[in-house]
Protein backbone atom coordinates (compact mmCIF):
# COMPACT_ATOMS: atom_id res chain seq x y z
CA MET A 1 295.97 69.69 334.84
CA SER A 2 296.32 65.46 335.46
CA SER A 3 299.20 63.56 334.28
CA GLN A 4 297.03 62.19 331.91
CA THR A 5 296.16 64.79 330.25
CA MET A 6 299.26 67.38 330.20
CA LYS A 7 300.57 67.41 326.79
CA HIS A 8 303.40 65.63 326.22
CA ARG A 9 306.53 67.47 324.85
CA LEU A 10 307.57 66.02 321.60
CA ILE A 11 309.87 66.74 318.79
CA ILE A 12 310.25 65.44 315.03
CA LEU A 13 313.72 65.58 313.98
CA CYS A 14 315.19 65.26 310.43
CA THR A 15 318.31 66.64 308.97
CA GLY A 16 317.43 69.99 307.12
CA ASN A 17 314.41 70.32 309.34
CA SER A 18 312.65 71.84 305.79
CA CYS A 19 310.22 69.79 304.56
CA ARG A 20 308.95 66.23 306.37
CA SER A 21 309.27 67.26 310.36
CA GLN A 22 307.86 70.66 309.16
CA MET A 23 304.92 68.40 307.35
CA ALA A 24 304.78 66.33 310.47
CA GLU A 25 304.44 69.08 313.10
CA GLY A 26 301.96 71.00 311.13
CA PHE A 27 299.65 68.01 310.93
CA LEU A 28 300.16 67.22 314.75
CA ARG A 29 299.07 70.59 315.35
CA GLU A 30 296.52 69.80 313.50
CA LEU A 31 295.47 66.99 314.85
CA ALA A 32 296.50 66.86 318.35
CA ASP A 33 297.40 69.96 319.57
CA ASP A 34 295.17 69.24 322.74
CA LEU A 35 297.82 66.98 323.29
CA PHE A 36 301.46 67.46 322.06
CA ASP A 37 303.58 70.42 322.32
CA ALA A 38 305.17 69.83 319.16
CA HIS A 39 308.19 71.13 317.24
CA SER A 40 310.03 70.22 314.25
CA VAL A 41 314.15 70.33 314.48
CA GLY A 42 317.09 69.98 312.79
CA MET A 43 320.34 68.28 313.05
CA ASN A 44 321.64 70.67 310.67
CA PRO A 45 318.60 72.98 310.22
CA ALA A 46 318.04 74.51 306.81
CA ALA A 47 317.79 78.54 306.17
CA GLU A 48 313.92 78.13 305.60
CA VAL A 49 311.08 75.75 305.55
CA HIS A 50 310.83 74.55 301.72
CA PRO A 51 308.40 76.35 299.37
CA LEU A 52 306.59 73.29 298.28
CA ALA A 53 306.06 72.22 301.39
CA VAL A 54 304.33 75.06 302.72
CA LYS A 55 302.51 75.10 299.24
CA VAL A 56 301.59 71.07 299.66
CA MET A 57 299.98 71.88 303.45
CA SER A 58 298.17 74.73 302.56
CA GLU A 59 296.43 72.92 299.67
CA ILE A 60 295.15 70.90 302.51
CA GLY A 61 294.39 73.77 304.87
CA ILE A 62 296.79 73.44 306.93
CA ASP A 63 299.42 76.70 307.45
CA ILE A 64 303.39 76.25 307.65
CA SER A 65 304.26 79.60 306.14
CA ASN A 66 305.43 80.97 309.50
CA ASN A 67 307.40 77.96 310.70
CA THR A 68 311.19 78.35 311.38
CA CYS A 69 314.02 75.77 310.90
CA LYS A 70 315.27 75.23 314.45
CA HIS A 71 318.39 73.10 315.51
CA LEU A 72 317.73 70.07 317.81
CA ASN A 73 319.90 71.54 320.64
CA ALA A 74 317.70 74.50 321.35
CA PHE A 75 314.89 71.96 323.01
CA PHE A 76 317.25 70.69 325.62
CA ASP A 77 316.75 72.78 328.22
CA GLU A 78 313.29 70.76 329.40
CA PRO A 79 312.71 67.58 328.93
CA ILE A 80 311.60 66.08 326.18
CA ASP A 81 308.91 62.85 326.35
CA THR A 82 309.21 61.78 322.47
CA VAL A 83 311.08 61.96 319.49
CA ILE A 84 310.20 60.92 316.03
CA THR A 85 312.34 60.54 313.48
CA VAL A 86 311.18 61.03 310.16
CA CYS A 87 314.56 60.42 307.63
CA SER A 88 317.15 57.98 308.56
CA HIS A 89 320.07 60.07 308.81
CA ALA A 90 318.62 61.54 312.04
CA ASP A 91 317.40 58.34 313.19
CA GLN A 92 321.19 56.94 313.23
CA SER A 93 322.69 60.29 314.39
CA CYS A 94 320.13 61.04 317.31
CA PRO A 95 321.85 62.14 320.64
CA ILE A 96 321.51 59.85 323.38
CA LEU A 97 318.29 60.92 325.04
CA PRO A 98 317.42 60.28 328.70
CA ALA A 99 315.67 56.13 328.81
CA SER A 100 312.21 58.03 329.95
CA THR A 101 311.97 59.56 326.37
CA ASN A 102 309.70 57.61 323.89
CA ARG A 103 311.52 57.19 320.24
CA HIS A 104 310.18 56.24 317.09
CA HIS A 105 311.48 56.50 313.73
CA PHE A 106 308.91 56.62 310.66
CA GLY A 107 311.44 56.98 307.66
CA PHE A 108 310.08 59.48 304.40
CA PRO A 109 312.09 60.02 301.78
CA ASP A 110 313.05 63.35 301.21
CA PRO A 111 310.81 65.35 299.00
CA ALA A 112 313.61 67.77 298.45
CA SER A 113 315.68 65.58 296.45
CA ALA A 114 312.97 65.56 293.86
CA GLU A 115 313.99 65.99 290.23
CA GLY A 116 312.09 67.07 287.50
CA THR A 117 309.64 70.00 286.76
CA GLU A 118 307.88 71.92 289.31
CA GLN A 119 304.78 69.79 288.54
CA GLU A 120 306.54 66.05 288.96
CA LYS A 121 308.22 67.67 292.34
CA LEU A 122 304.87 68.71 293.90
CA THR A 123 303.71 65.08 293.19
CA VAL A 124 306.66 63.90 295.20
CA PHE A 125 305.91 66.35 297.94
CA ARG A 126 301.99 65.66 298.18
CA GLN A 127 302.79 61.46 297.99
CA VAL A 128 305.56 62.29 301.29
CA ARG A 129 302.83 64.66 302.20
CA ASP A 130 300.01 62.17 302.44
CA ASP A 131 301.81 59.28 303.94
CA ILE A 132 303.04 61.47 306.69
CA GLY A 133 299.34 62.58 307.51
CA ARG A 134 298.09 58.76 306.89
CA LEU A 135 301.21 57.92 309.63
CA LEU A 136 300.23 60.38 311.94
CA LEU A 137 296.80 60.34 312.30
CA ALA A 138 297.09 56.72 313.43
CA TYR A 139 299.60 57.75 315.67
CA VAL A 140 297.45 60.17 317.48
CA ALA A 141 294.32 57.56 317.25
CA GLY A 142 296.60 55.36 319.31
CA ARG A 143 297.74 58.23 321.87
CA ARG A 144 293.83 59.04 322.68
CA ASP A 145 293.07 55.16 322.76
CA ALA A 146 295.88 55.02 325.72
CA LEU A 147 294.52 58.02 327.36
């Protein structure tokens, strides 16, 4: 495999790794599994992927029901090419990375903090899902253009 076609190791970092980063991982696996070895991780991972994140992703045909919440430290054994932070806390708390690591911050509100009925919460989860999807679609298109 040439260096231009090798998969880049990419992590999506969030504080709890239960919603935003999990949805982003699902999108990247769906949109660009040929480009990225993508993993969602957390600085302080939750016990499980949020059920409403699983539900809203399944609505668009992306299954994240088997995803697990993982700690960032589990991914330092091998070089990381790109880190994408999806929450402000993770962006501000991200550890020092080698200069060769690309770093991007795309902040999204935390849908897990949504209040109200389940339908109102689902509306928030869907909005965040759609925002993440639009951004990553553009990100992947730019990556493909660069190659």
